[in-house]
Amino acid sequence: MTYPSAREQGLTEEMVAAIPDFRESPLFTPAEKAALRLAEAIAGDHKHAPFDEIFADLRKYYSEEQIVALCWKAGIWLGYGRMVTALDVPTVGASCAIPAKASSA
């Protein structure tokens, strides 16, 4: 599995592989699809995302508090992924040093 933490969260390898096509996948519930749509909007072209529509869909399945938590988690994971890339961390949980290309600047 590409993302070991995905298994801890209950995702199967099949589900991870289906994420790029989550809208059409029968592996995700409507609530999960709404959450994935939010994550996609936050990670993508967030300045032009239809958040009113996304939040209306989320409210069918989640409370306001849960929606804020989903936004928070999406933002944290997005930032984490970018940091891991910037620091060239080889695996989740590995310690890292600032890459030579960054420290020589």
PDB file of N, CA and C in Angstrom:
ATOM      1  N   MET A   1       0.855  -1.181   0.000  1.00  0.00           N
ATOM      2  CA  MET A   1       0.000   0.000   0.000  1.00  0.00           C
ATOM      3  C   MET A   1       0.893   1.233   0.000  1.00  0.00           C
ATOM      4  N   THR A   2       0.577   2.179  -0.824  1.00  0.00           N
ATOM      5  CA  THR A   2       1.367   3.393  -0.946  1.00  0.00           C
ATOM      6  C   THR A   2       1.325   4.220   0.331  1.00  0.00           C
ATOM      7  N   TYR A   3       0.199   4.261   0.990  1.00  0.00           N
ATOM      8  CA  TYR A   3       0.015   5.081   2.180  1.00  0.00           C
ATOM      9  C   TYR A   3      -0.323   4.178   3.364  1.00  0.00           C
ATOM     10  N   PRO A   4       0.690   3.818   4.189  1.00  0.00           N
ATOM     11  CA  PRO A   4       0.430   2.904   5.317  1.00  0.00           C
ATOM     12  C   PRO A   4      -0.664   3.403   6.250  1.00  0.00           C
ATOM     13  N   SER A   5      -0.759   4.712   6.449  1.00  0.00           N
ATOM     14  CA  SER A   5      -1.775   5.229   7.366  1.00  0.00           C
ATOM     15  C   SER A   5      -3.186   5.024   6.825  1.00  0.00           C
ATOM     16  N   ALA A   6      -3.319   4.829   5.522  1.00  0.00           N
ATOM     17  CA  ALA A   6      -4.648   4.600   4.944  1.00  0.00           C
ATOM     18  C   ALA A   6      -5.265   3.331   5.515  1.00  0.00           C
ATOM     19  N   ARG A   7      -4.453   2.302   5.678  1.00  0.00           N
ATOM     20  CA  ARG A   7      -4.962   1.043   6.251  1.00  0.00           C
ATOM     21  C   ARG A   7      -5.442   1.274   7.682  1.00  0.00           C
ATOM     22  N   GLU A   8      -4.695   2.084   8.438  1.00  0.00           N
ATOM     23  CA  GLU A   8      -5.091   2.387   9.813  1.00  0.00           C
ATOM     24  C   GLU A   8      -6.433   3.111   9.856  1.00  0.00           C
ATOM     25  N   GLN A   9      -6.746   3.844   8.799  1.00  0.00           N
ATOM     26  CA  GLN A   9      -8.001   4.578   8.725  1.00  0.00           C
ATOM     27  C   GLN A   9      -9.139   3.746   8.128  1.00  0.00           C
ATOM     28  N   GLY A  10      -8.823   2.490   7.780  1.00  0.00           N
ATOM     29  CA  GLY A  10      -9.862   1.596   7.280  1.00  0.00           C
ATOM     30  C   GLY A  10      -9.969   1.506   5.770  1.00  0.00           C
ATOM     31  N   LEU A  11      -9.060   2.109   5.034  1.00  0.00           N
ATOM     32  CA  LEU A  11      -9.095   2.017   3.580  1.00  0.00           C
ATOM     33  C   LEU A  11      -8.393   0.751   3.107  1.00  0.00           C
ATOM     34  N   THR A  12      -8.937   0.151   2.076  1.00  0.00           N
ATOM     35  CA  THR A  12      -8.298  -0.996   1.445  1.00  0.00           C
ATOM     36  C   THR A  12      -7.417  -0.483   0.308  1.00  0.00           C
ATOM     37  N   GLU A  13      -6.551  -1.338  -0.206  1.00  0.00           N
ATOM     38  CA  GLU A  13      -5.727  -0.946  -1.348  1.00  0.00           C
ATOM     39  C   GLU A  13      -6.614  -0.587  -2.530  1.00  0.00           C
ATOM     40  N   GLU A  14      -7.712  -1.303  -2.681  1.00  0.00           N
ATOM     41  CA  GLU A  14      -8.654  -1.034  -3.769  1.00  0.00           C
ATOM     42  C   GLU A  14      -9.250   0.374  -3.628  1.00  0.00           C
ATOM     43  N   MET A  15      -9.566   0.767  -2.399  1.00  0.00           N
ATOM     44  CA  MET A  15     -10.122   2.104  -2.162  1.00  0.00           C
ATOM     45  C   MET A  15      -9.094   3.188  -2.476  1.00  0.00           C
ATOM     46  N   VAL A  16      -7.853   2.987  -2.036  1.00  0.00           N
ATOM     47  CA  VAL A  16      -6.809   3.972  -2.314  1.00  0.00           C
ATOM     48  C   VAL A  16      -6.647   4.134  -3.826  1.00  0.00           C
ATOM     49  N   ALA A  17      -6.640   3.008  -4.540  1.00  0.00           N
ATOM     50  CA  ALA A  17      -6.503   3.056  -6.001  1.00  0.00           C
ATOM     51  C   ALA A  17      -7.694   3.751  -6.665  1.00  0.00           C
ATOM     52  N   ALA A  18      -8.864   3.699  -6.024  1.00  0.00           N
ATOM     53  CA  ALA A  18     -10.085   4.280  -6.602  1.00  0.00           C
ATOM     54  C   ALA A  18     -10.247   5.770  -6.301  1.00  0.00           C
ATOM     55  N   ILE A  19      -9.422   6.338  -5.447  1.00  0.00           N
ATOM     56  CA  ILE A  19      -9.598   7.739  -5.057  1.00  0.00           C
ATOM     57  C   ILE A  19      -9.607   8.692  -6.257  1.00  0.00           C
ATOM     58  N   PRO A  20      -8.727   8.540  -7.246  1.00  0.00           N
ATOM     59  CA  PRO A  20      -8.790   9.485  -8.374  1.00  0.00           C
ATOM     60  C   PRO A  20     -10.142   9.495  -9.091  1.00  0.00           C
ATOM     61  N   ASP A  21     -10.874   8.385  -9.028  1.00  0.00           N
ATOM     62  CA  ASP A  21     -12.193   8.299  -9.668  1.00  0.00           C
ATOM     63  C   ASP A  21     -13.290   8.088  -8.633  1.00  0.00           C
ATOM     64  N   PHE A  22     -13.139   8.755  -7.469  1.00  0.00           N
ATOM     65  CA  PHE A  22     -14.061   8.508  -6.353  1.00  0.00           C
ATOM     66  C   PHE A  22     -15.513   8.782  -6.704  1.00  0.00           C
ATOM     67  N   ARG A  23     -15.770   9.741  -7.575  1.00  0.00           N
ATOM     68  CA  ARG A  23     -17.159  10.092  -7.906  1.00  0.00           C
ATOM     69  C   ARG A  23     -17.921   8.909  -8.508  1.00  0.00           C
ATOM     70  N   GLU A  24     -17.243   8.112  -9.320  1.00  0.00           N
ATOM     71  CA  GLU A  24     -17.884   6.989  -9.994  1.00  0.00           C
ATOM     72  C   GLU A  24     -17.722   5.675  -9.238  1.00  0.00           C
ATOM     73  N   SER A  25     -16.900   5.656  -8.216  1.00  0.00           N
ATOM     74  CA  SER A  25     -16.589   4.410  -7.520  1.00  0.00           C
ATOM     75  C   SER A  25     -17.715   3.975  -6.583  1.00  0.00           C
ATOM     76  N   PRO A  26     -18.079   2.690  -6.640  1.00  0.00           N
ATOM     77  CA  PRO A  26     -19.066   2.160  -5.699  1.00  0.00           C
ATOM     78  C   PRO A  26     -18.458   1.853  -4.324  1.00  0.00           C
ATOM     79  N   LEU A  27     -17.144   2.059  -4.190  1.00  0.00           N
ATOM     80  CA  LEU A  27     -16.458   1.730  -2.936  1.00  0.00           C
ATOM     81  C   LEU A  27     -16.663   2.770  -1.842  1.00  0.00           C
ATOM     82  N   PHE A  28     -17.135   3.961  -2.228  1.00  0.00           N
ATOM     83  CA  PHE A  28     -17.296   5.047  -1.261  1.00  0.00           C
ATOM     84  C   PHE A  28     -18.770   5.373  -1.072  1.00  0.00           C
ATOM     85  N   THR A  29     -19.117   5.684   0.172  1.00  0.00           N
ATOM     86  CA  THR A  29     -20.490   6.093   0.482  1.00  0.00           C
ATOM     87  C   THR A  29     -20.704   7.524  -0.008  1.00  0.00           C
ATOM     88  N   PRO A  30     -21.949   7.964  -0.108  1.00  0.00           N
ATOM     89  CA  PRO A  30     -22.188   9.362  -0.479  1.00  0.00           C
ATOM     90  C   PRO A  30     -21.516  10.345   0.495  1.00  0.00           C
ATOM     91  N   ALA A  31     -21.485  10.022   1.783  1.00  0.00           N
ATOM     92  CA  ALA A  31     -20.825  10.892   2.767  1.00  0.00           C
ATOM     93  C   ALA A  31     -19.326  10.961   2.502  1.00  0.00           C
ATOM     94  N   GLU A  32     -18.719   9.816   2.205  1.00  0.00           N
ATOM     95  CA  GLU A  32     -17.283   9.793   1.904  1.00  0.00           C
ATOM     96  C   GLU A  32     -16.984  10.564   0.619  1.00  0.00           C
ATOM     97  N   LYS A  33     -17.846  10.430  -0.374  1.00  0.00           N
ATOM     98  CA  LYS A  33     -17.658  11.166  -1.625  1.00  0.00           C
ATOM     99  C   LYS A  33     -17.753  12.667  -1.389  1.00  0.00           C
ATOM    100  N   ALA A  34     -18.660  13.093  -0.523  1.00  0.00           N
ATOM    101  CA  ALA A  34     -18.773  14.522  -0.201  1.00  0.00           C
ATOM    102  C   ALA A  34     -17.499  15.013   0.477  1.00  0.00           C
ATOM    103  N   ALA A  35     -16.954  14.215   1.393  1.00  0.00           N
ATOM    104  CA  ALA A  35     -15.714  14.587   2.078  1.00  0.00           C
ATOM    105  C   ALA A  35     -14.539  14.615   1.106  1.00  0.00           C
ATOM    106  N   LEU A  36     -14.488  13.661   0.197  1.00  0.00           N
ATOM    107  CA  LEU A  36     -13.417  13.645  -0.798  1.00  0.00           C
ATOM    108  C   LEU A  36     -13.526  14.845  -1.740  1.00  0.00           C
ATOM    109  N   ARG A  37     -14.725  15.226  -2.056  1.00  0.00           N
ATOM    110  CA  ARG A  37     -14.913  16.406  -2.911  1.00  0.00           C
ATOM    111  C   ARG A  37     -14.392  17.659  -2.207  1.00  0.00           C
ATOM    112  N   LEU A  38     -14.641  17.762  -0.911  1.00  0.00           N
ATOM    113  CA  LEU A  38     -14.113  18.885  -0.133  1.00  0.00           C
ATOM    114  C   LEU A  38     -12.588  18.880  -0.159  1.00  0.00           C
ATOM    115  N   ALA A  39     -11.993  17.724   0.104  1.00  0.00           N
ATOM    116  CA  ALA A  39     -10.533  17.621   0.107  1.00  0.00           C
ATOM    117  C   ALA A  39      -9.959  17.987  -1.258  1.00  0.00           C
ATOM    118  N   GLU A  40     -10.612  17.536  -2.305  1.00  0.00           N
ATOM    119  CA  GLU A  40     -10.174  17.856  -3.666  1.00  0.00           C
ATOM    120  C   GLU A  40     -10.229  19.364  -3.917  1.00  0.00           C
ATOM    121  N   ALA A  41     -11.285  20.003  -3.451  1.00  0.00           N
ATOM    122  CA  ALA A  41     -11.432  21.448  -3.639  1.00  0.00           C
ATOM    123  C   ALA A  41     -10.380  22.219  -2.855  1.00  0.00           C
ATOM    124  N   ILE A  42     -10.096  21.801  -1.643  1.00  0.00           N
ATOM    125  CA  ILE A  42      -9.089  22.476  -0.822  1.00  0.00           C
ATOM    126  C   ILE A  42      -7.697  22.303  -1.425  1.00  0.00           C
ATOM    127  N   ALA A  43      -7.419  21.108  -1.938  1.00  0.00           N
ATOM    128  CA  ALA A  43      -6.094  20.823  -2.498  1.00  0.00           C
ATOM    129  C   ALA A  43      -5.924  21.379  -3.912  1.00  0.00           C
ATOM    130  N   GLY A  44      -7.007  21.590  -4.604  1.00  0.00           N
ATOM    131  CA  GLY A  44      -6.929  22.028  -5.993  1.00  0.00           C
ATOM    132  C   GLY A  44      -7.105  23.526  -6.149  1.00  0.00           C
ATOM    133  N   ASP A  45      -7.902  23.904  -7.120  1.00  0.00           N
ATOM    134  CA  ASP A  45      -8.132  25.319  -7.434  1.00  0.00           C
ATOM    135  C   ASP A  45      -9.140  25.889  -6.436  1.00  0.00           C
ATOM    136  N   HIS A  46      -8.703  26.027  -5.183  1.00  0.00           N
ATOM    137  CA  HIS A  46      -9.599  26.407  -4.091  1.00  0.00           C
ATOM    138  C   HIS A  46     -10.222  27.794  -4.246  1.00  0.00           C
ATOM    139  N   LYS A  47      -9.589  28.674  -4.987  1.00  0.00           N
ATOM    140  CA  LYS A  47     -10.168  30.024  -5.156  1.00  0.00           C
ATOM    141  C   LYS A  47     -11.379  30.016  -6.075  1.00  0.00           C
ATOM    142  N   HIS A  48     -11.531  28.961  -6.851  1.00  0.00           N
ATOM    143  CA  HIS A  48     -12.661  28.877  -7.777  1.00  0.00           C
ATOM    144  C   HIS A  48     -13.565  27.679  -7.497  1.00  0.00           C
ATOM    145  N   ALA A  49     -13.336  27.012  -6.380  1.00  0.00           N
ATOM    146  CA  ALA A  49     -14.143  25.837  -6.034  1.00  0.00           C
ATOM    147  C   ALA A  49     -15.553  26.268  -5.628  1.00  0.00           C
ATOM    148  N   PRO A  50     -16.555  25.462  -5.972  1.00  0.00           N
ATOM    149  CA  PRO A  50     -17.943  25.797  -5.615  1.00  0.00           C
ATOM    150  C   PRO A  50     -18.248  25.398  -4.163  1.00  0.00           C
ATOM    151  N   PHE A  51     -17.652  26.125  -3.215  1.00  0.00           N
ATOM    152  CA  PHE A  51     -17.787  25.735  -1.809  1.00  0.00           C
ATOM    153  C   PHE A  51     -19.223  25.795  -1.304  1.00  0.00           C
ATOM    154  N   ASP A  52     -20.041  26.703  -1.789  1.00  0.00           N
ATOM    155  CA  ASP A  52     -21.448  26.729  -1.343  1.00  0.00           C
ATOM    156  C   ASP A  52     -22.117  25.393  -1.663  1.00  0.00           C
ATOM    157  N   GLU A  53     -21.878  24.893  -2.858  1.00  0.00           N
ATOM    158  CA  GLU A  53     -22.447  23.610  -3.286  1.00  0.00           C
ATOM    159  C   GLU A  53     -21.828  22.451  -2.489  1.00  0.00           C
ATOM    160  N   ILE A  54     -20.526  22.515  -2.290  1.00  0.00           N
ATOM    161  CA  ILE A  54     -19.834  21.459  -1.549  1.00  0.00           C
ATOM    162  C   ILE A  54     -20.335  21.411  -0.103  1.00  0.00           C
ATOM    163  N   PHE A  55     -20.466  22.575   0.543  1.00  0.00           N
ATOM    164  CA  PHE A  55     -20.938  22.604   1.931  1.00  0.00           C
ATOM    165  C   PHE A  55     -22.393  22.158   2.035  1.00  0.00           C
ATOM    166  N   ALA A  56     -23.209  22.513   1.054  1.00  0.00           N
ATOM    167  CA  ALA A  56     -24.605  22.061   1.070  1.00  0.00           C
ATOM    168  C   ALA A  56     -24.670  20.534   1.019  1.00  0.00           C
ATOM    169  N   ASP A  57     -23.825  19.935   0.193  1.00  0.00           N
ATOM    170  CA  ASP A  57     -23.779  18.475   0.113  1.00  0.00           C
ATOM    171  C   ASP A  57     -23.254  17.879   1.421  1.00  0.00           C
ATOM    172  N   LEU A  58     -22.196  18.462   1.980  1.00  0.00           N
ATOM    173  CA  LEU A  58     -21.637  17.965   3.239  1.00  0.00           C
ATOM    174  C   LEU A  58     -22.657  18.003   4.369  1.00  0.00           C
ATOM    175  N   ARG A  59     -23.503  19.038   4.401  1.00  0.00           N
ATOM    176  CA  ARG A  59     -24.495  19.181   5.481  1.00  0.00           C
ATOM    177  C   ARG A  59     -25.531  18.062   5.484  1.00  0.00           C
ATOM    178  N   LYS A  60     -25.639  17.335   4.385  1.00  0.00           N
ATOM    179  CA  LYS A  60     -26.552  16.185   4.351  1.00  0.00           C
ATOM    180  C   LYS A  60     -26.028  15.053   5.251  1.00  0.00           C
ATOM    181  N   TYR A  61     -24.723  15.042   5.501  1.00  0.00           N
ATOM    182  CA  TYR A  61     -24.098  13.915   6.192  1.00  0.00           C
ATOM    183  C   TYR A  61     -23.353  14.292   7.471  1.00  0.00           C
ATOM    184  N   TYR A  62     -22.961  15.555   7.586  1.00  0.00           N
ATOM    185  CA  TYR A  62     -22.096  15.973   8.687  1.00  0.00           C
ATOM    186  C   TYR A  62     -22.642  17.216   9.376  1.00  0.00           C
ATOM    187  N   SER A  63     -22.316  17.343  10.665  1.00  0.00           N
ATOM    188  CA  SER A  63     -22.664  18.550  11.415  1.00  0.00           C
ATOM    189  C   SER A  63     -21.688  19.662  11.033  1.00  0.00           C
ATOM    190  N   GLU A  64     -22.003  20.879  11.441  1.00  0.00           N
ATOM    191  CA  GLU A  64     -21.101  22.006  11.171  1.00  0.00           C
ATOM    192  C   GLU A  64     -19.725  21.750  11.794  1.00  0.00           C
ATOM    193  N   GLU A  65     -19.718  21.223  13.007  1.00  0.00           N
ATOM    194  CA  GLU A  65     -18.458  20.920  13.684  1.00  0.00           C
ATOM    195  C   GLU A  65     -17.656  19.879  12.912  1.00  0.00           C
ATOM    196  N   GLN A  66     -18.314  18.868  12.403  1.00  0.00           N
ATOM    197  CA  GLN A  66     -17.617  17.838  11.625  1.00  0.00           C
ATOM    198  C   GLN A  66     -17.071  18.395  10.313  1.00  0.00           C
ATOM    199  N   ILE A  67     -17.806  19.310   9.692  1.00  0.00           N
ATOM    200  CA  ILE A  67     -17.343  19.925   8.449  1.00  0.00           C
ATOM    201  C   ILE A  67     -16.087  20.752   8.702  1.00  0.00           C
ATOM    202  N   VAL A  68     -16.080  21.509   9.786  1.00  0.00           N
ATOM    203  CA  VAL A  68     -14.880  22.283  10.140  1.00  0.00           C
ATOM    204  C   VAL A  68     -13.715  21.328  10.384  1.00  0.00           C
ATOM    205  N   ALA A  69     -13.962  20.211  11.055  1.00  0.00           N
ATOM    206  CA  ALA A  69     -12.903  19.223  11.313  1.00  0.00           C
ATOM    207  C   ALA A  69     -12.385  18.634  10.001  1.00  0.00           C
ATOM    208  N   LEU A  70     -13.280  18.359   9.066  1.00  0.00           N
ATOM    209  CA  LEU A  70     -12.846  17.860   7.755  1.00  0.00           C
ATOM    210  C   LEU A  70     -11.973  18.884   7.038  1.00  0.00           C
ATOM    211  N   CYS A  71     -12.373  20.158   7.089  1.00  0.00           N
ATOM    212  CA  CYS A  71     -11.564  21.221   6.477  1.00  0.00           C
ATOM    213  C   CYS A  71     -10.186  21.288   7.136  1.00  0.00           C
ATOM    214  N   TRP A  72     -10.177  21.225   8.444  1.00  0.00           N
ATOM    215  CA  TRP A  72      -8.927  21.286   9.202  1.00  0.00           C
ATOM    216  C   TRP A  72      -8.009  20.124   8.808  1.00  0.00           C
ATOM    217  N   LYS A  73      -8.552  18.925   8.782  1.00  0.00           N
ATOM    218  CA  LYS A  73      -7.748  17.749   8.438  1.00  0.00           C
ATOM    219  C   LYS A  73      -7.232  17.821   7.009  1.00  0.00           C
ATOM    220  N   ALA A  74      -8.067  18.260   6.094  1.00  0.00           N
ATOM    221  CA  ALA A  74      -7.618  18.382   4.700  1.00  0.00           C
ATOM    222  C   ALA A  74      -6.472  19.384   4.596  1.00  0.00           C
ATOM    223  N   GLY A  75      -6.592  20.496   5.283  1.00  0.00           N
ATOM    224  CA  GLY A  75      -5.534  21.504   5.260  1.00  0.00           C
ATOM    225  C   GLY A  75      -4.245  21.011   5.890  1.00  0.00           C
ATOM    226  N   ILE A  76      -4.361  20.310   6.997  1.00  0.00           N
ATOM    227  CA  ILE A  76      -3.179  19.777   7.680  1.00  0.00           C
ATOM    228  C   ILE A  76      -2.477  18.745   6.799  1.00  0.00           C
ATOM    229  N   TRP A  77      -3.229  17.825   6.203  1.00  0.00           N
ATOM    230  CA  TRP A  77      -2.616  16.797   5.358  1.00  0.00           C
ATOM    231  C   TRP A  77      -2.023  17.385   4.093  1.00  0.00           C
ATOM    232  N   LEU A  78      -2.663  18.412   3.553  1.00  0.00           N
ATOM    233  CA  LEU A  78      -2.109  19.080   2.377  1.00  0.00           C
ATOM    234  C   LEU A  78      -0.763  19.711   2.729  1.00  0.00           C
ATOM    235  N   GLY A  79      -0.720  20.418   3.842  1.00  0.00           N
ATOM    236  CA  GLY A  79       0.527  21.029   4.284  1.00  0.00           C
ATOM    237  C   GLY A  79       1.585  19.987   4.614  1.00  0.00           C
ATOM    238  N   TYR A  80       1.169  18.892   5.250  1.00  0.00           N
ATOM    239  CA  TYR A  80       2.096  17.815   5.595  1.00  0.00           C
ATOM    240  C   TYR A  80       2.715  17.221   4.331  1.00  0.00           C
ATOM    241  N   GLY A  81       1.889  16.970   3.333  1.00  0.00           N
ATOM    242  CA  GLY A  81       2.392  16.395   2.082  1.00  0.00           C
ATOM    243  C   GLY A  81       3.390  17.308   1.393  1.00  0.00           C
ATOM    244  N   ARG A  82       3.129  18.590   1.433  1.00  0.00           N
ATOM    245  CA  ARG A  82       4.056  19.539   0.809  1.00  0.00           C
ATOM    246  C   ARG A  82       5.356  19.627   1.597  1.00  0.00           C
ATOM    247  N   MET A  83       5.277  19.563   2.916  1.00  0.00           N
ATOM    248  CA  MET A  83       6.477  19.597   3.740  1.00  0.00           C
ATOM    249  C   MET A  83       7.324  18.346   3.504  1.00  0.00           C
ATOM    250  N   VAL A  84       6.691  17.186   3.451  1.00  0.00           N
ATOM    251  CA  VAL A  84       7.403  15.936   3.214  1.00  0.00           C
ATOM    252  C   VAL A  84       8.116  15.986   1.860  1.00  0.00           C
ATOM    253  N   THR A  85       7.459  16.552   0.868  1.00  0.00           N
ATOM    254  CA  THR A  85       8.091  16.690  -0.447  1.00  0.00           C
ATOM    255  C   THR A  85       9.269  17.654  -0.379  1.00  0.00           C
ATOM    256  N   ALA A  86       9.078  18.784   0.274  1.00  0.00           N
ATOM    257  CA  ALA A  86      10.153  19.780   0.371  1.00  0.00           C
ATOM    258  C   ALA A  86      11.373  19.233   1.090  1.00  0.00           C
ATOM    259  N   LEU A  87      11.134  18.421   2.137  1.00  0.00           N
ATOM    260  CA  LEU A  87      12.239  17.857   2.912  1.00  0.00           C
ATOM    261  C   LEU A  87      12.723  16.519   2.364  1.00  0.00           C
ATOM    262  N   ASP A  88      12.071  16.030   1.312  1.00  0.00           N
ATOM    263  CA  ASP A  88      12.457  14.772   0.664  1.00  0.00           C
ATOM    264  C   ASP A  88      12.480  13.617   1.658  1.00  0.00           C
ATOM    265  N   VAL A  89      11.422  13.528   2.473  1.00  0.00           N
ATOM    266  CA  VAL A  89      11.307  12.458   3.463  1.00  0.00           C
ATOM    267  C   VAL A  89      10.991  11.155   2.721  1.00  0.00           C
ATOM    268  N   PRO A  90      11.810  10.111   2.908  1.00  0.00           N
ATOM    269  CA  PRO A  90      11.635   8.886   2.128  1.00  0.00           C
ATOM    270  C   PRO A  90      10.431   8.038   2.532  1.00  0.00           C
ATOM    271  N   THR A  91      10.073   8.003   3.820  1.00  0.00           N
ATOM    272  CA  THR A  91       8.937   7.202   4.273  1.00  0.00           C
ATOM    273  C   THR A  91       8.249   7.903   5.429  1.00  0.00           C
ATOM    274  N   VAL A  92       6.978   7.573   5.627  1.00  0.00           N
ATOM    275  CA  VAL A  92       6.232   8.130   6.741  1.00  0.00           C
ATOM    276  C   VAL A  92       6.875   7.649   8.039  1.00  0.00           C
ATOM    277  N   GLY A  93       7.107   8.566   8.953  1.00  0.00           N
ATOM    278  CA  GLY A  93       7.703   8.233  10.232  1.00  0.00           C
ATOM    279  C   GLY A  93       9.216   8.305  10.240  1.00  0.00           C
ATOM    280  N   ALA A  94       9.821   8.494   9.067  1.00  0.00           N
ATOM    281  CA  ALA A  94      11.283   8.575   9.008  1.00  0.00           C
ATOM    282  C   ALA A  94      11.742   9.945   9.483  1.00  0.00           C
ATOM    283  N   SER A  95      12.915   9.969  10.093  1.00  0.00           N
ATOM    284  CA  SER A  95      13.481  11.270  10.444  1.00  0.00           C
ATOM    285  C   SER A  95      14.163  11.816   9.199  1.00  0.00           C
ATOM    286  N   CYS A  96      14.372  13.100   9.180  1.00  0.00           N
ATOM    287  CA  CYS A  96      14.950  13.687   7.979  1.00  0.00           C
ATOM    288  C   CYS A  96      15.830  14.876   8.356  1.00  0.00           C
ATOM    289  N   ALA A  97      16.704  15.194   7.456  1.00  0.00           N
ATOM    290  CA  ALA A  97      17.522  16.402   7.570  1.00  0.00           C
ATOM    291  C   ALA A  97      17.081  17.330   6.451  1.00  0.00           C
ATOM    292  N   ILE A  98      17.385  18.586   6.572  1.00  0.00           N
ATOM    293  CA  ILE A  98      17.070  19.506   5.487  1.00  0.00           C
ATOM    294  C   ILE A  98      17.920  19.086   4.296  1.00  0.00           C
ATOM    295  N   PRO A  99      17.319  18.914   3.123  1.00  0.00           N
ATOM    296  CA  PRO A  99      18.080  18.452   1.957  1.00  0.00           C
ATOM    297  C   PRO A  99      19.238  19.386   1.626  1.00  0.00           C
ATOM    298  N   ALA A 100      20.294  18.812   1.113  1.00  0.00           N
ATOM    299  CA  ALA A 100      21.494  19.582   0.756  1.00  0.00           C
ATOM    300  C   ALA A 100      21.167  20.711  -0.209  1.00  0.00           C
ATOM    301  N   LYS A 101      20.269  20.472  -1.158  1.00  0.00           N
ATOM    302  CA  LYS A 101      19.945  21.516  -2.122  1.00  0.00           C
ATOM    303  C   LYS A 101      19.331  22.734  -1.451  1.00  0.00           C
ATOM    304  N   ALA A 102      18.617  22.536  -0.330  1.00  0.00           N
ATOM    305  CA  ALA A 102      18.026  23.658   0.380  1.00  0.00           C
ATOM    306  C   ALA A 102      19.034  24.300   1.335  1.00  0.00           C
ATOM    307  N   SER A 103      19.888  23.492   1.961  1.00  0.00           N
ATOM    308  CA  SER A 103      20.813  24.057   2.956  1.00  0.00           C
ATOM    309  C   SER A 103      22.003  24.749   2.306  1.00  0.00           C
ATOM    310  N   SER A 104      22.253  24.532   1.035  1.00  0.00           N
ATOM    311  CA  SER A 104      23.385  25.163   0.364  1.00  0.00           C
ATOM    312  C   SER A 104      23.014  26.495  -0.264  1.00  0.00           C
ATOM    313  N   ALA A 105      21.763  26.870  -0.202  1.00  0.00           N
ATOM    314  CA  ALA A 105      21.328  28.117  -0.826  1.00  0.00           C
ATOM    315  C   ALA A 105      21.743  29.338  -0.058  1.00  0.00           C
TER     316      ALA A 105
END
